[in-house]
C-alpha atoms as a PDB file:
ATOM      1  CA  MET A   1      86.721 146.307 109.672  1.00  0.00           C
ATOM      2  CA  PRO A   2      89.248 146.404 106.934  1.00  0.00           C
ATOM      3  CA  LEU A   3      90.074 143.074 106.066  1.00  0.00           C
ATOM      4  CA  PRO A   4      93.849 143.053 104.512  1.00  0.00           C
ATOM      5  CA  TRP A   5      93.518 140.435 101.536  1.00  0.00           C
ATOM      6  CA  THR A   6      90.377 141.729  99.710  1.00  0.00           C
ATOM      7  CA  PRO A   7      89.946 144.307  97.475  1.00  0.00           C
ATOM      8  CA  SER A   8      90.944 148.117  98.500  1.00  0.00           C
ATOM      9  CA  VAL A   9      88.440 149.737  95.521  1.00  0.00           C
ATOM     10  CA  GLY A  10      85.378 151.303  96.907  1.00  0.00           C
ATOM     11  CA  ARG A  11      81.894 149.878  96.875  1.00  0.00           C
ATOM     12  CA  TRP A  12      80.101 149.839  93.738  1.00  0.00           C
ATOM     13  CA  LEU A  13      76.662 149.223  95.223  1.00  0.00           C
ATOM     14  CA  PRO A  14      75.270 150.645  99.246  1.00  0.00           C
ATOM     15  CA  ARG A  15      74.880 147.572 100.982  1.00  0.00           C
ATOM     16  CA  GLN A  16      71.131 148.440 102.136  1.00  0.00           C
ATOM     17  CA  LEU A  17      69.850 147.436  98.527  1.00  0.00           C
ATOM     18  CA  ALA A  18      72.571 144.907  98.105  1.00  0.00           C
ATOM     19  CA  LEU A  19      70.486 142.211  99.686  1.00  0.00           C
ATOM     20  CA  PRO A  20      67.086 143.156  98.679  1.00  0.00           C
ATOM     21  CA  MET A  21      67.884 143.475  94.734  1.00  0.00           C
ATOM     22  CA  LEU A  22      69.699 140.097  95.219  1.00  0.00           C
ATOM     23  CA  GLY A  23      66.656 139.112  96.314  1.00  0.00           C
ATOM     24  CA  VAL A  24      64.626 140.607  93.714  1.00  0.00           C
ATOM     25  CA  LEU A  25      67.101 139.116  91.009  1.00  0.00           C
ATOM     26  CA  LEU A  26      66.689 135.744  92.183  1.00  0.00           C
ATOM     27  CA  LEU A  27      63.212 136.390  92.341  1.00  0.00           C
ATOM     28  CA  GLY A  28      63.100 136.838  88.325  1.00  0.00           C
ATOM     29  CA  SER A  29      65.531 133.947  87.645  1.00  0.00           C
ATOM     30  CA  LEU A  30      63.050 131.534  89.296  1.00  0.00           C
ATOM     31  CA  LEU A  31      60.272 133.252  87.314  1.00  0.00           C
ATOM     32  CA  TYR A  32      62.416 133.743  83.664  1.00  0.00           C
ATOM     33  CA  ALA A  33      63.966 129.606  85.051  1.00  0.00           C
ATOM     34  CA  ALA A  34      60.274 128.255  85.476  1.00  0.00           C
ATOM     35  CA  GLY A  35      58.899 129.021  82.010  1.00  0.00           C
ATOM     36  CA  GLN A  36      62.205 127.184  79.549  1.00  0.00           C
ATOM     37  CA  GLY A  37      62.817 123.873  78.791  1.00  0.00           C
ATOM     38  CA  ALA A  38      61.975 121.279  76.745  1.00  0.00           C
ATOM     39  CA  TYR A  39      57.897 121.723  77.692  1.00  0.00           C
ATOM     40  CA  GLY A  40      57.701 125.865  77.527  1.00  0.00           C
ATOM     41  CA  LEU A  41      55.682 127.319  80.016  1.00  0.00           C
ATOM     42  CA  PRO A  42      54.749 130.987  78.918  1.00  0.00           C
ATOM     43  CA  LEU A  43      55.405 133.509  82.109  1.00  0.00           C
ATOM     44  CA  ALA A  44      51.172 134.851  81.629  1.00  0.00           C
ATOM     45  CA  ASN A  45      50.176 131.510  82.465  1.00  0.00           C
ATOM     46  CA  LEU A  46      52.311 130.681  85.007  1.00  0.00           C
ATOM     47  CA  PRO A  47      49.813 132.145  87.822  1.00  0.00           C
ATOM     48  CA  GLY A  48      46.903 130.235  86.354  1.00  0.00           C
ATOM     49  CA  VAL A  49      49.739 127.020  86.172  1.00  0.00           C
ATOM     50  CA  LEU A  50      50.937 127.534  89.922  1.00  0.00           C
ATOM     51  CA  TYR A  51      47.121 127.459  91.245  1.00  0.00           C
ATOM     52  CA  GLN A  52      46.210 124.273  89.406  1.00  0.00           C
ATOM     53  CA  ALA A  53      49.428 121.991  90.757  1.00  0.00           C
ATOM     54  CA  PHE A  54      48.898 123.689  94.431  1.00  0.00           C
ATOM     55  CA  ALA A  55      44.875 123.254  94.547  1.00  0.00           C
ATOM     56  CA  GLY A  56      43.887 120.018  94.918  1.00  0.00           C
ATOM     57  CA  THR A  57      40.559 120.066  93.665  1.00  0.00           C
ATOM     58  CA  ALA A  58      41.031 122.250  90.879  1.00  0.00           C
ATOM     59  CA  PRO A  59      39.191 120.763  88.022  1.00  0.00           C
ATOM     60  CA  GLY A  60      41.378 119.119  85.508  1.00  0.00           C
ATOM     61  CA  VAL A  61      44.575 118.812  87.699  1.00  0.00           C
ATOM     62  CA  GLU A  62      45.215 115.791  87.412  1.00  0.00           C
ATOM     63  CA  THR A  63      45.455 115.886  83.517  1.00  0.00           C
ATOM     64  CA  ASP A  64      46.599 119.096  83.004  1.00  0.00           C
ATOM     65  CA  PRO A  65      50.104 118.705  81.268  1.00  0.00           C
ATOM     66  CA  SER A  66      51.201 122.295  82.025  1.00  0.00           C
ATOM     67  CA  ALA A  67      50.544 122.021  86.148  1.00  0.00           C
ATOM     68  CA  LEU A  68      51.973 118.217  86.213  1.00  0.00           C
ATOM     69  CA  VAL A  69      55.108 119.653  84.486  1.00  0.00           C
ATOM     70  CA  PHE A  70      56.075 122.332  86.581  1.00  0.00           C
ATOM     71  CA  LEU A  71      54.551 120.501  89.805  1.00  0.00           C
ATOM     72  CA  ASN A  72      56.274 116.771  89.176  1.00  0.00           C
ATOM     73  CA  ILE A  73      59.564 118.220  86.695  1.00  0.00           C
ATOM     74  CA  ARG A  74      60.402 122.000  86.632  1.00  0.00           C
ATOM     75  CA  LEU A  75      59.121 123.146  90.597  1.00  0.00           C
ATOM     76  CA  PRO A  76      61.600 120.261  92.316  1.00  0.00           C
ATOM     77  CA  ARG A  77      64.340 121.571  89.793  1.00  0.00           C
ATOM     78  CA  LEU A  78      63.960 124.891  91.139  1.00  0.00           C
ATOM     79  CA  VAL A  79      63.674 124.735  94.399  1.00  0.00           C
ATOM     80  CA  LEU A  80      67.406 122.639  93.865  1.00  0.00           C
ATOM     81  CA  GLY A  81      68.954 124.637  92.035  1.00  0.00           C
ATOM     82  CA  LEU A  82      68.016 126.955  94.652  1.00  0.00           C
ATOM     83  CA  ALA A  83      69.376 125.209  97.297  1.00  0.00           C
ATOM     84  CA  ALA A  84      72.430 124.007  95.578  1.00  0.00           C
ATOM     85  CA  GLY A  85      73.386 127.507  94.732  1.00  0.00           C
ATOM     86  CA  ALA A  86      72.590 128.646  98.050  1.00  0.00           C
ATOM     87  CA  GLY A  87      75.134 126.417  99.730  1.00  0.00           C
ATOM     88  CA  LEU A  88      78.100 126.371  97.653  1.00  0.00           C
ATOM     89  CA  GLY A  89      77.755 130.261  97.234  1.00  0.00           C
ATOM     90  CA  MET A  90      78.028 131.010 101.263  1.00  0.00           C
ATOM     91  CA  ALA A  91      80.422 127.946 101.742  1.00  0.00           C
ATOM     92  CA  GLY A  92      82.511 129.919  99.407  1.00  0.00           C
ATOM     93  CA  ALA A  93      82.513 133.027 101.411  1.00  0.00           C
ATOM     94  CA  ILE A  94      83.299 131.092 104.762  1.00  0.00           C
ATOM     95  CA  MET A  95      85.954 129.306 103.087  1.00  0.00           C
ATOM     96  CA  GLN A  96      87.519 132.636 102.013  1.00  0.00           C
ATOM     97  CA  GLY A  97      87.234 133.700 105.164  1.00  0.00           C
ATOM     98  CA  VAL A  98      89.213 131.296 106.505  1.00  0.00           C
ATOM     99  CA  PHE A  99      91.502 130.941 103.904  1.00  0.00           C
ATOM    100  CA  ARG A 100      91.925 134.387 103.856  1.00  0.00           C
ATOM    101  CA  ASN A 101      92.255 134.605 100.476  1.00  0.00           C
ATOM    102  CA  PRO A 102      89.419 135.534  97.499  1.00  0.00           C
ATOM    103  CA  LEU A 103      90.893 132.463  95.251  1.00  0.00           C
ATOM    104  CA  ALA A 104      90.048 129.821  97.393  1.00  0.00           C
ATOM    105  CA  ASP A 105      87.046 127.135  96.988  1.00  0.00           C
ATOM    106  CA  PRO A 106      84.799 124.663  98.674  1.00  0.00           C
ATOM    107  CA  GLY A 107      86.863 122.020  96.565  1.00  0.00           C
ATOM    108  CA  LEU A 108      89.990 123.336  98.223  1.00  0.00           C
ATOM    109  CA  ILE A 109      88.578 120.541 101.302  1.00  0.00           C
ATOM    110  CA  GLY A 110      88.211 117.709  99.402  1.00  0.00           C
ATOM    111  CA  VAL A 111      84.449 117.251 100.388  1.00  0.00           C
ATOM    112  CA  SER A 112      83.770 117.596  96.124  1.00  0.00           C
ATOM    113  CA  SER A 113      86.346 115.235  94.943  1.00  0.00           C
ATOM    114  CA  GLY A 114      85.857 112.411  98.067  1.00  0.00           C
ATOM    115  CA  ALA A 115      81.437 112.800  97.309  1.00  0.00           C
ATOM    116  CA  ALA A 116      82.666 112.238  93.729  1.00  0.00           C
ATOM    117  CA  LEU A 117      84.919 109.205  94.641  1.00  0.00           C
ATOM    118  CA  ALA A 118      82.430 107.279  97.188  1.00  0.00           C
ATOM    119  CA  ALA A 119      80.165 107.609  94.309  1.00  0.00           C
ATOM    120  CA  GLY A 120      82.564 106.324  91.670  1.00  0.00           C
ATOM    121  CA  LEU A 121      82.858 103.395  93.930  1.00  0.00           C
ATOM    122  CA  THR A 122      79.351 102.818  93.946  1.00  0.00           C
ATOM    123  CA  ILE A 123      78.525 102.835  90.319  1.00  0.00           C
ATOM    124  CA  VAL A 124      81.107 101.098  89.027  1.00  0.00           C
ATOM    125  CA  MET A 125      81.961  98.367  91.836  1.00  0.00           C
ATOM    126  CA  GLY A 126      78.682  98.793  93.904  1.00  0.00           C
ATOM    127  CA  ALA A 127      77.637  96.184  92.627  1.00  0.00           C
ATOM    128  CA  LEU A 128      80.265  93.620  93.391  1.00  0.00           C
ATOM    129  CA  TRP A 129      80.939  94.817  96.742  1.00  0.00           C
ATOM    130  CA  PHE A 130      77.898  95.405  98.614  1.00  0.00           C
ATOM    131  CA  PRO A 131      75.263  94.069  95.943  1.00  0.00           C
ATOM    132  CA  GLU A 132      72.471  94.234  98.808  1.00  0.00           C
ATOM    133  CA  LEU A 133      72.875  98.071  98.789  1.00  0.00           C
ATOM    134  CA  PRO A 134      70.845  98.955  95.296  1.00  0.00           C
ATOM    135  CA  ARG A 135      68.398  96.780  96.037  1.00  0.00           C
ATOM    136  CA  SER A 136      68.044  97.808 100.152  1.00  0.00           C
ATOM    137  CA  LEU A 137      68.214 102.151  99.152  1.00  0.00           C
ATOM    138  CA  GLY A 138      67.466 101.974  95.658  1.00  0.00           C
ATOM    139  CA  SER A 139      68.836 105.133  94.152  1.00  0.00           C
ATOM    140  CA  TRP A 140      68.948 106.466  97.971  1.00  0.00           C
ATOM    141  CA  ALA A 141      72.300 104.117  97.420  1.00  0.00           C
ATOM    142  CA  LEU A 142      74.504 106.683  95.128  1.00  0.00           C
ATOM    143  CA  VAL A 143      72.919 109.632  97.482  1.00  0.00           C
ATOM    144  CA  LEU A 144      74.176 108.404 100.643  1.00  0.00           C
ATOM    145  CA  MET A 145      77.327 107.112  99.421  1.00  0.00           C
ATOM    146  CA  ALA A 146      78.487 110.437  98.083  1.00  0.00           C
ATOM    147  CA  PHE A 147      77.581 112.580 100.677  1.00  0.00           C
ATOM    148  CA  VAL A 148      78.969 110.115 103.718  1.00  0.00           C
ATOM    149  CA  GLY A 149      82.493 110.291 101.282  1.00  0.00           C
ATOM    150  CA  GLY A 150      82.595 113.768 101.437  1.00  0.00           C
ATOM    151  CA  LEU A 151      82.413 114.242 105.186  1.00  0.00           C
ATOM    152  CA  LEU A 152      84.712 111.560 105.672  1.00  0.00           C
ATOM    153  CA  VAL A 153      87.543 112.865 103.222  1.00  0.00           C
ATOM    154  CA  THR A 154      86.952 116.311 104.608  1.00  0.00           C
ATOM    155  CA  ALA A 155      87.245 114.998 108.378  1.00  0.00           C
ATOM    156  CA  LEU A 156      90.292 113.351 106.867  1.00  0.00           C
ATOM    157  CA  VAL A 157      91.575 116.501 105.509  1.00  0.00           C
ATOM    158  CA  HIS A 158      91.319 118.170 108.831  1.00  0.00           C
ATOM    159  CA  ALA A 159      92.778 115.655 110.555  1.00  0.00           C
ATOM    160  CA  LEU A 160      95.776 115.546 108.902  1.00  0.00           C
ATOM    161  CA  SER A 161      95.556 119.930 109.304  1.00  0.00           C
ATOM    162  CA  ARG A 162      95.949 119.191 113.219  1.00  0.00           C
ATOM    163  CA  GLY A 163      98.934 120.003 114.685  1.00  0.00           C
ATOM    164  CA  GLU A 164     100.333 120.724 118.347  1.00  0.00           C
ATOM    165  CA  GLY A 165      98.542 124.485 117.871  1.00  0.00           C
ATOM    166  CA  GLY A 166      95.576 123.290 116.480  1.00  0.00           C
ATOM    167  CA  THR A 167      94.555 123.452 112.597  1.00  0.00           C
ATOM    168  CA  ARG A 168      97.386 125.050 110.576  1.00  0.00           C
ATOM    169  CA  VAL A 169      95.418 126.339 107.055  1.00  0.00           C
ATOM    170  CA  SER A 170      98.247 126.106 105.572  1.00  0.00           C
ATOM    171  CA  MET A 171      98.614 122.571 106.031  1.00  0.00           C
ATOM    172  CA  LEU A 172      94.681 122.472 105.697  1.00  0.00           C
ATOM    173  CA  LEU A 173      95.371 123.376 102.166  1.00  0.00           C
ATOM    174  CA  LEU A 174      98.095 121.329 101.342  1.00  0.00           C
ATOM    175  CA  ALA A 175      96.403 117.997 102.912  1.00  0.00           C
ATOM    176  CA  GLY A 176      93.273 119.310 100.303  1.00  0.00           C
ATOM    177  CA  ILE A 177      95.181 119.243  97.572  1.00  0.00           C
ATOM    178  CA  ALA A 178      96.847 115.954  98.116  1.00  0.00           C
ATOM    179  CA  ILE A 179      93.544 114.308  98.518  1.00  0.00           C
ATOM    180  CA  ASN A 180      91.930 115.714  95.615  1.00  0.00           C
ATOM    181  CA  ALA A 181      94.969 114.394  93.635  1.00  0.00           C
ATOM    182  CA  LEU A 182      93.963 111.317  95.493  1.00  0.00           C
ATOM    183  CA  ALA A 183      90.937 111.186  94.767  1.00  0.00           C
ATOM    184  CA  GLY A 184      91.533 111.981  90.802  1.00  0.00           C
ATOM    185  CA  ALA A 185      93.644 109.105  90.561  1.00  0.00           C
ATOM    186  CA  GLY A 186      90.969 106.886  91.768  1.00  0.00           C
ATOM    187  CA  LEU A 187      88.980 108.311  89.559  1.00  0.00           C
ATOM    188  CA  GLY A 188      90.795 107.531  86.894  1.00  0.00           C
ATOM    189  CA  LEU A 189      91.544 103.541  88.010  1.00  0.00           C
ATOM    190  CA  LEU A 190      87.464 103.275  88.157  1.00  0.00           C
ATOM    191  CA  SER A 191      87.225 105.061  84.642  1.00  0.00           C
ATOM    192  CA  PHE A 192      89.685 102.901  83.514  1.00  0.00           C
ATOM    193  CA  LEU A 193      88.032  99.847  84.883  1.00  0.00           C
ATOM    194  CA  ALA A 194      84.237 100.436  84.684  1.00  0.00           C
ATOM    195  CA  THR A 195      82.095  99.094  81.600  1.00  0.00           C
ATOM    196  CA  ASP A 196      80.846 101.557  79.151  1.00  0.00           C
ATOM    197  CA  GLU A 197      77.173 102.116  81.179  1.00  0.00           C
ATOM    198  CA  GLN A 198      79.351 102.533  83.992  1.00  0.00           C
ATOM    199  CA  LEU A 199      81.414 105.003  82.541  1.00  0.00           C
ATOM    200  CA  ARG A 200      78.652 106.754  80.935  1.00  0.00           C
ATOM    201  CA  SER A 201      76.543 106.920  84.496  1.00  0.00           C
ATOM    202  CA  LEU A 202      79.849 107.988  86.084  1.00  0.00           C
ATOM    203  CA  GLN A 203      80.678 110.753  83.502  1.00  0.00           C
ATOM    204  CA  PHE A 204      76.903 112.023  83.407  1.00  0.00           C
ATOM    205  CA  TRP A 205      77.597 112.497  87.513  1.00  0.00           C
ATOM    206  CA  LEU A 206      81.069 114.555  87.641  1.00  0.00           C
ATOM    207  CA  LEU A 207      79.929 116.797  84.753  1.00  0.00           C
ATOM    208  CA  GLY A 208      76.980 117.889  87.069  1.00  0.00           C
ATOM    209  CA  SER A 209      73.089 118.040  86.608  1.00  0.00           C
ATOM    210  CA  LEU A 210      70.054 119.149  88.281  1.00  0.00           C
ATOM    211  CA  GLY A 211      68.117 116.451  85.940  1.00  0.00           C
ATOM    212  CA  GLY A 212      67.954 113.769  88.394  1.00  0.00           C
ATOM    213  CA  ALA A 213      65.842 116.000  90.887  1.00  0.00           C
ATOM    214  CA  ARG A 214      62.965 114.654  93.016  1.00  0.00           C
ATOM    215  CA  TRP A 215      61.228 115.559  95.717  1.00  0.00           C
ATOM    216  CA  SER A 216      62.451 113.356  98.030  1.00  0.00           C
ATOM    217  CA  ALA A 217      66.104 114.068  97.045  1.00  0.00           C
ATOM    218  CA  VAL A 218      65.465 117.962  96.897  1.00  0.00           C
ATOM    219  CA  MET A 219      63.767 118.033 100.429  1.00  0.00           C
ATOM    220  CA  LEU A 220      66.905 116.814 102.135  1.00  0.00           C
ATOM    221  CA  VAL A 221      69.261 118.613 100.417  1.00  0.00           C
ATOM    222  CA  ALA A 222      67.376 121.812 101.212  1.00  0.00           C
ATOM    223  CA  GLY A 223      67.089 120.739 104.774  1.00  0.00           C
ATOM    224  CA  VAL A 224      70.802 120.463 105.018  1.00  0.00           C
ATOM    225  CA  THR A 225      71.484 123.502 103.252  1.00  0.00           C
ATOM    226  CA  ALA A 226      69.035 125.165 105.570  1.00  0.00           C
ATOM    227  CA  VAL A 227      70.611 124.207 108.641  1.00  0.00           C
ATOM    228  CA  ALA A 228      74.485 124.811 106.755  1.00  0.00           C
ATOM    229  CA  LEU A 229      72.715 128.937 106.054  1.00  0.00           C
ATOM    230  CA  LEU A 230      71.817 128.879 109.279  1.00  0.00           C
ATOM    231  CA  ILE A 231      75.222 128.432 111.036  1.00  0.00           C
ATOM    232  CA  GLY A 232      77.267 129.382 108.311  1.00  0.00           C
ATOM    233  CA  LEU A 233      75.495 133.170 108.541  1.00  0.00           C
ATOM    234  CA  ARG A 234      76.080 133.108 112.196  1.00  0.00           C
ATOM    235  CA  MET A 235      80.065 133.465 111.428  1.00  0.00           C
ATOM    236  CA  ALA A 236      80.401 136.803 110.148  1.00  0.00           C
ATOM    237  CA  ARG A 237      82.074 138.415 112.970  1.00  0.00           C
ATOM    238  CA  PRO A 238      84.258 135.363 113.999  1.00  0.00           C
ATOM    239  CA  LEU A 239      85.369 135.631 110.290  1.00  0.00           C
ATOM    240  CA  ASN A 240      85.294 139.630 110.264  1.00  0.00           C
ATOM    241  CA  ALA A 241      87.978 139.518 112.985  1.00  0.00           C
ATOM    242  CA  LEU A 242      89.683 136.158 111.861  1.00  0.00           C
ATOM    243  CA  ALA A 243      90.746 138.278 108.556  1.00  0.00           C
ATOM    244  CA  LEU A 244      92.699 139.832 110.960  1.00  0.00           C
ATOM    245  CA  GLY A 245      95.034 137.106 111.440  1.00  0.00           C
ATOM    246  CA  GLU A 246      94.529 134.442 113.923  1.00  0.00           C
ATOM    247  CA  ALA A 247      96.527 136.101 116.722  1.00  0.00           C
ATOM    248  CA  GLN A 248      94.515 138.853 116.812  1.00  0.00           C
ATOM    249  CA  ALA A 249      91.385 137.676 116.149  1.00  0.00           C
ATOM    250  CA  VAL A 250      92.157 135.764 119.781  1.00  0.00           C
ATOM    251  CA  LEU A 251      92.941 139.325 120.977  1.00  0.00           C
ATOM    252  CA  LEU A 252      89.362 140.116 120.314  1.00  0.00           C
ATOM    253  CA  GLY A 253      87.968 137.371 121.808  1.00  0.00           C
ATOM    254  CA  VAL A 254      87.677 135.185 119.193  1.00  0.00           C
ATOM    255  CA  ALA A 255      87.348 131.264 120.052  1.00  0.00           C
ATOM    256  CA  VAL A 256      90.048 130.325 116.477  1.00  0.00           C
ATOM    257  CA  GLU A 257      90.092 126.951 116.426  1.00  0.00           C
ATOM    258  CA  PRO A 258      86.342 126.016 117.170  1.00  0.00           C
ATOM    259  CA  ILE A 259      85.416 128.660 114.276  1.00  0.00           C
ATOM    260  CA  LYS A 260      87.861 126.988 111.581  1.00  0.00           C
ATOM    261  CA  ARG A 261      86.090 123.240 112.999  1.00  0.00           C
ATOM    262  CA  ARG A 262      82.543 125.291 112.634  1.00  0.00           C
ATOM    263  CA  ALA A 263      83.613 126.514 108.953  1.00  0.00           C
ATOM    264  CA  LEU A 264      84.669 123.343 107.638  1.00  0.00           C
ATOM    265  CA  VAL A 265      81.699 121.264 109.159  1.00  0.00           C
ATOM    266  CA  VAL A 266      79.209 123.593 107.525  1.00  0.00           C
ATOM    267  CA  THR A 267      80.950 123.585 104.198  1.00  0.00           C
ATOM    268  CA  ALA A 268      81.136 119.992 103.944  1.00  0.00           C
ATOM    269  CA  MET A 269      77.844 119.428 105.162  1.00  0.00           C
ATOM    270  CA  ALA A 270      76.248 122.110 102.490  1.00  0.00           C
ATOM    271  CA  VAL A 271      78.638 121.044  99.698  1.00  0.00           C
ATOM    272  CA  GLY A 272      78.697 117.441 100.572  1.00  0.00           C
ATOM    273  CA  ALA A 273      74.871 117.629 100.682  1.00  0.00           C
ATOM    274  CA  VAL A 274      74.776 119.615  96.769  1.00  0.00           C
ATOM    275  CA  THR A 275      77.804 117.098  94.925  1.00  0.00           C
ATOM    276  CA  ALA A 276      75.810 114.130  96.441  1.00  0.00           C
ATOM    277  CA  THR A 277      72.861 114.670  94.354  1.00  0.00           C
ATOM    278  CA  THR A 278      73.394 117.002  91.760  1.00  0.00           C
ATOM    279  CA  GLY A 279      77.095 115.837  90.883  1.00  0.00           C
ATOM    280  CA  ILE A 280      79.583 118.068  90.567  1.00  0.00           C
ATOM    281  CA  ILE A 281      79.115 122.214  90.011  1.00  0.00           C
ATOM    282  CA  GLY A 282      82.024 123.766  90.027  1.00  0.00           C
ATOM    283  CA  PHE A 283      82.996 128.081  90.146  1.00  0.00           C
ATOM    284  CA  ILE A 284      79.924 128.718  91.671  1.00  0.00           C
ATOM    285  CA  GLY A 285      82.055 129.126  94.883  1.00  0.00           C
ATOM    286  CA  LEU A 286      84.309 131.203  93.923  1.00  0.00           C
ATOM    287  CA  VAL A 287      82.616 133.192  91.492  1.00  0.00           C
ATOM    288  CA  ALA A 288      79.389 134.275  93.775  1.00  0.00           C
ATOM    289  CA  PRO A 289      81.719 135.292  96.693  1.00  0.00           C
ATOM    290  CA  HIS A 290      84.004 137.046  94.880  1.00  0.00           C
ATOM    291  CA  MET A 291      81.266 139.274  92.832  1.00  0.00           C
ATOM    292  CA  VAL A 292      79.175 140.487  96.085  1.00  0.00           C
ATOM    293  CA  ARG A 293      82.680 141.493  97.903  1.00  0.00           C
ATOM    294  CA  LEU A 294      83.848 143.941  94.624  1.00  0.00           C
ATOM    295  CA  ALA A 295      80.336 144.638  94.944  1.00  0.00           C
ATOM    296  CA  VAL A 296      79.368 145.669  98.859  1.00  0.00           C
ATOM    297  CA  GLY A 297      82.840 145.259 100.373  1.00  0.00           C
ATOM    298  CA  PRO A 298      84.634 142.391 102.495  1.00  0.00           C
ATOM    299  CA  ASP A 299      82.392 142.594 105.666  1.00  0.00           C
ATOM    300  CA  HIS A 300      80.977 138.908 105.913  1.00  0.00           C
ATOM    301  CA  ARG A 301      77.687 140.345 107.339  1.00  0.00           C
ATOM    302  CA  TRP A 302      76.622 141.399 103.980  1.00  0.00           C
ATOM    303  CA  VAL A 303      78.756 139.021 102.260  1.00  0.00           C
ATOM    304  CA  LEU A 304      77.500 135.332 103.895  1.00  0.00           C
ATOM    305  CA  PRO A 305      73.836 136.212 102.307  1.00  0.00           C
ATOM    306  CA  GLY A 306      74.995 138.181  99.549  1.00  0.00           C
ATOM    307  CA  SER A 307      76.755 135.080  98.106  1.00  0.00           C
ATOM    308  CA  ALA A 308      74.116 132.598  99.053  1.00  0.00           C
ATOM    309  CA  LEU A 309      71.880 134.333  96.849  1.00  0.00           C
ATOM    310  CA  LEU A 310      73.634 135.006  94.003  1.00  0.00           C
ATOM    311  CA  GLY A 311      75.132 131.670  94.255  1.00  0.00           C
ATOM    312  CA  ALA A 312      71.500 130.469  93.786  1.00  0.00           C
ATOM    313  CA  CYS A 313      70.736 133.184  90.965  1.00  0.00           C
ATOM    314  CA  LEU A 314      73.689 132.115  88.947  1.00  0.00           C
ATOM    315  CA  VAL A 315      72.986 128.022  89.706  1.00  0.00           C
ATOM    316  CA  VAL A 316      69.109 128.541  88.501  1.00  0.00           C
ATOM    317  CA  LEU A 317      70.383 130.471  85.226  1.00  0.00           C
ATOM    318  CA  ALA A 318      72.851 128.249  84.322  1.00  0.00           C
ATOM    319  CA  ASP A 319      69.853 125.156  84.291  1.00  0.00           C
ATOM    320  CA  ALA A 320      67.735 127.231  82.689  1.00  0.00           C
ATOM    321  CA  VAL A 321      70.302 127.579  79.915  1.00  0.00           C
ATOM    322  CA  ALA A 322      71.610 124.048  80.160  1.00  0.00           C
ATOM    323  CA  ARG A 323      68.344 122.555  79.396  1.00  0.00           C
ATOM    324  CA  THR A 324      67.368 124.916  76.456  1.00  0.00           C
ATOM    325  CA  VAL A 325      70.502 125.376  74.814  1.00  0.00           C
ATOM    326  CA  ALA A 326      71.210 121.902  73.231  1.00  0.00           C
ATOM    327  CA  GLN A 327      67.524 120.625  72.784  1.00  0.00           C
ATOM    328  CA  PRO A 328      66.457 118.170  72.991  1.00  0.00           C
ATOM    329  CA  ALA A 329      69.401 117.243  74.416  1.00  0.00           C
ATOM    330  CA  GLU A 330      70.205 118.769  78.194  1.00  0.00           C
ATOM    331  CA  LEU A 331      74.199 120.592  78.447  1.00  0.00           C
ATOM    332  CA  PRO A 332      75.534 119.063  82.030  1.00  0.00           C
ATOM    333  CA  LEU A 333      75.660 122.335  84.077  1.00  0.00           C
ATOM    334  CA  GLY A 334      79.098 122.022  85.815  1.00  0.00           C
ATOM    335  CA  VAL A 335      80.152 122.352  82.030  1.00  0.00           C
ATOM    336  CA  LEU A 336      78.187 125.223  81.559  1.00  0.00           C
ATOM    337  CA  THR A 337      79.076 126.885  84.826  1.00  0.00           C
ATOM    338  CA  ALA A 338      82.853 126.308  84.025  1.00  0.00           C
ATOM    339  CA  LEU A 339      82.571 127.814  80.396  1.00  0.00           C
ATOM    340  CA  VAL A 340      80.721 130.770  81.142  1.00  0.00           C
ATOM    341  CA  GLY A 341      81.893 131.352  85.011  1.00  0.00           C
ATOM    342  CA  VAL A 342      86.416 130.715  83.946  1.00  0.00           C
ATOM    343  CA  PRO A 343      86.047 133.240  81.332  1.00  0.00           C
ATOM    344  CA  PHE A 344      84.486 135.947  83.133  1.00  0.00           C
ATOM    345  CA  PHE A 345      86.701 135.926  86.621  1.00  0.00           C
ATOM    346  CA  LEU A 346      89.843 136.338  84.016  1.00  0.00           C
ATOM    347  CA  LEU A 347      88.148 138.883  83.024  1.00  0.00           C
ATOM    348  CA  LEU A 348      87.474 140.308  86.701  1.00  0.00           C
ATOM    349  CA  LEU A 349      91.297 139.729  87.363  1.00  0.00           C
ATOM    350  CA  ARG A 350      92.139 141.323  84.145  1.00  0.00           C
ATOM    351  CA  GLY A 351      89.718 144.445  84.941  1.00  0.00           C
ATOM    352  CA  GLY A 352      92.015 145.520  87.410  1.00  0.00           C
ATOM    353  CA  HIS A 353      90.976 143.616  90.776  1.00  0.00           C
ATOM    354  CA  GLY A 354      93.459 141.187  90.417  1.00  0.00           C
ATOM    355  CA  ARG A 355      96.462 143.297  91.604  1.00  0.00           C
ATOM    356  CA  HIS A 356      93.999 143.184  94.881  1.00  0.00           C
ATOM    357  CA  LEU A 357      94.297 139.767  95.456  1.00  0.00           C
END
């Protein structure tokens, strides 16, 4: 099905090979990232480390530093990076399908800024407004507040975009831009009111990192992302029809309004869960779907799973670089994805693909 808003250039990768190749790339990324860090794990030693980490009866499993580092530090980061990248990549592809624009980003509906504002309020004003919250929930207070904030702001943007004919995409975009600007102003005010310690915590969270990965949070994010992926992958055919225009999609039997609501819910779930745990990781939801679309064409049956796989690859590799390039310090992940992603995306545009947007 030809989609009018996507690049008209021919595919340079056979569709039947695309997903297997991305799967191999993801596996290679995980193996590479598993050995990177302040405590290096040579790839040749990884099978033995895996055996010692998971075989509880193996001799010395409690004292072997390699097994302990991998199981308690390295592996949670790998799983979190995989879940975060997959969620952001597929959410970006869904938003581009709903907006019928390959330059759309999951942040347009306000979920990232809403999560950031809620996290900022928790960091700066939490002790004053909710003194019992940190004591009762511990470190979960920030995660839960950020997740709820992202969902509430997305619901607000959706409510503002509703009209007599249903959800209007143009109003959805404008409402998202306005709410994002308002959330940015709120974060600026919180930065002004914060103490030095609170400001450092806020800035570290806003720049994004997988450094806080722990199994309880990782399992939560992985579970929410898995549900969002299962729902999102079923939206491929409706998104293909929607790309022809809402009127044409209705004639093809697509329930347009429920599809748009489902797209917002899936995006809010995936991006909200990821942002609440890792902070803001930018550009993955924009670059990954665009690269997949250029490689295999505009069909969402391939773009959605391909974007999830490529997004996971990008986050896992970026995290491996972030924790090794400035040892013993760790470069913020969101900074690295922007530093690498923006020039690469501009090169794609300058290379001739931008004239098809």
